[in-house]
């Protein structure tokens, strides 16, 4: 399958681009791991972010708050 066909199929099946789908998957994994007590540093590293700060920025853009504040509520 060509890259272009895969991109079209991904949008058709999920309604999301691959990049957006991947970010959503990262959020689901991060929420599960953080809720079970994992550190932000470990989760960000496991998900391939270059730094915890980069992960926190992505988290805040997606959910409107930092992981610490999200779980403090």
C-alpha atoms as a PDB file:
ATOM      1  CA  UNK A   1       0.000   0.000   0.000  1.00  0.00           C
ATOM      2  CA  UNK A   2       1.339   3.435  -0.829  1.00  0.00           C
ATOM      3  CA  UNK A   3       1.852   6.061   1.854  1.00  0.00           C
ATOM      4  CA  UNK A   4      -0.799   8.221   0.262  1.00  0.00           C
ATOM      5  CA  UNK A   5      -3.366   5.396   0.265  1.00  0.00           C
ATOM      6  CA  UNK A   6      -2.568   4.639   3.899  1.00  0.00           C
ATOM      7  CA  UNK A   7      -3.076   8.301   4.837  1.00  0.00           C
ATOM      8  CA  UNK A   8      -6.461   8.379   3.098  1.00  0.00           C
ATOM      9  CA  UNK A   9      -7.519   5.103   4.713  1.00  0.00           C
ATOM     10  CA  UNK A  10      -6.462   6.330   8.151  1.00  0.00           C
ATOM     11  CA  UNK A  11      -8.598   9.472   7.838  1.00  0.00           C
ATOM     12  CA  UNK A  12     -11.481   7.476   6.385  1.00  0.00           C
ATOM     13  CA  UNK A  13     -11.448   4.873   9.168  1.00  0.00           C
ATOM     14  CA  UNK A  14     -10.636   7.066  12.171  1.00  0.00           C
ATOM     15  CA  UNK A  15     -11.465  10.610  11.122  1.00  0.00           C
ATOM     16  CA  UNK A  16      -7.948  11.593  12.209  1.00  0.00           C
ATOM     17  CA  UNK A  17      -4.632  12.047  10.505  1.00  0.00           C
ATOM     18  CA  UNK A  18      -1.927   9.627  11.621  1.00  0.00           C
ATOM     19  CA  UNK A  19      -0.182  12.360  13.620  1.00  0.00           C
ATOM     20  CA  UNK A  20      -3.357  13.320  15.458  1.00  0.00           C
ATOM     21  CA  UNK A  21      -4.249   9.677  16.088  1.00  0.00           C
ATOM     22  CA  UNK A  22      -0.766   9.083  17.501  1.00  0.00           C
ATOM     23  CA  UNK A  23      -1.094  12.073  19.861  1.00  0.00           C
ATOM     24  CA  UNK A  24      -4.463  10.762  21.063  1.00  0.00           C
ATOM     25  CA  UNK A  25      -2.928   7.344  21.659  1.00  0.00           C
ATOM     26  CA  UNK A  26      -0.091   8.947  23.620  1.00  0.00           C
ATOM     27  CA  UNK A  27      -2.616  10.781  25.781  1.00  0.00           C
ATOM     28  CA  UNK A  28      -4.557   7.606  26.540  1.00  0.00           C
ATOM     29  CA  UNK A  29      -1.360   5.770  27.465  1.00  0.00           C
ATOM     30  CA  UNK A  30      -0.079   8.724  29.496  1.00  0.00           C
ATOM     31  CA  UNK A  31      -3.316   9.087  31.446  1.00  0.00           C
ATOM     32  CA  UNK A  32      -3.334   5.389  32.279  1.00  0.00           C
ATOM     33  CA  UNK A  33       0.313   5.357  33.347  1.00  0.00           C
ATOM     34  CA  UNK A  34       0.165   8.594  35.327  1.00  0.00           C
ATOM     35  CA  UNK A  35      -3.007   7.464  37.099  1.00  0.00           C
ATOM     36  CA  UNK A  36      -1.225   4.294  38.163  1.00  0.00           C
ATOM     37  CA  UNK A  37       1.588   6.319  39.742  1.00  0.00           C
ATOM     38  CA  UNK A  38       4.213   6.593  37.008  1.00  0.00           C
ATOM     39  CA  UNK A  39       6.295   9.765  36.952  1.00  0.00           C
ATOM     40  CA  UNK A  40       6.008  12.332  34.199  1.00  0.00           C
ATOM     41  CA  UNK A  41       9.676  11.737  33.408  1.00  0.00           C
ATOM     42  CA  UNK A  42       9.160   8.007  32.922  1.00  0.00           C
ATOM     43  CA  UNK A  43       5.997   8.417  30.851  1.00  0.00           C
ATOM     44  CA  UNK A  44       7.545  11.071  28.630  1.00  0.00           C
ATOM     45  CA  UNK A  45      10.616   8.902  28.080  1.00  0.00           C
ATOM     46  CA  UNK A  46       8.553   5.771  27.386  1.00  0.00           C
ATOM     47  CA  UNK A  47       6.512   7.667  24.796  1.00  0.00           C
ATOM     48  CA  UNK A  48       9.626   8.969  23.058  1.00  0.00           C
ATOM     49  CA  UNK A  49       9.526  12.632  24.001  1.00  0.00           C
ATOM     50  CA  UNK A  50      12.916  14.347  24.114  1.00  0.00           C
ATOM     51  CA  UNK A  51      12.148  15.841  27.504  1.00  0.00           C
ATOM     52  CA  UNK A  52       9.513  15.885  30.195  1.00  0.00           C
ATOM     53  CA  UNK A  53       8.912  19.532  29.301  1.00  0.00           C
ATOM     54  CA  UNK A  54       8.013  18.618  25.704  1.00  0.00           C
ATOM     55  CA  UNK A  55       5.561  16.028  27.018  1.00  0.00           C
ATOM     56  CA  UNK A  56       4.018  18.516  29.464  1.00  0.00           C
ATOM     57  CA  UNK A  57       3.549  21.045  26.644  1.00  0.00           C
ATOM     58  CA  UNK A  58       1.744  18.431  24.526  1.00  0.00           C
ATOM     59  CA  UNK A  59      -0.391  17.367  27.512  1.00  0.00           C
ATOM     60  CA  UNK A  60      -1.327  20.958  28.326  1.00  0.00           C
ATOM     61  CA  UNK A  61      -2.222  21.754  24.697  1.00  0.00           C
ATOM     62  CA  UNK A  62      -4.475  18.710  24.549  1.00  0.00           C
ATOM     63  CA  UNK A  63      -6.110  18.863  27.980  1.00  0.00           C
ATOM     64  CA  UNK A  64      -5.714  22.487  29.011  1.00  0.00           C
ATOM     65  CA  UNK A  65      -3.666  21.798  32.115  1.00  0.00           C
ATOM     66  CA  UNK A  66      -0.464  20.143  33.245  1.00  0.00           C
ATOM     67  CA  UNK A  67      -0.365  16.506  34.355  1.00  0.00           C
ATOM     68  CA  UNK A  68       0.139  17.536  38.006  1.00  0.00           C
ATOM     69  CA  UNK A  69      -2.901  19.815  37.999  1.00  0.00           C
ATOM     70  CA  UNK A  70      -4.963  17.301  36.054  1.00  0.00           C
ATOM     71  CA  UNK A  71      -4.446  14.654  38.702  1.00  0.00           C
ATOM     72  CA  UNK A  72      -4.725  17.085  41.636  1.00  0.00           C
ATOM     73  CA  UNK A  73      -8.363  17.798  40.758  1.00  0.00           C
END
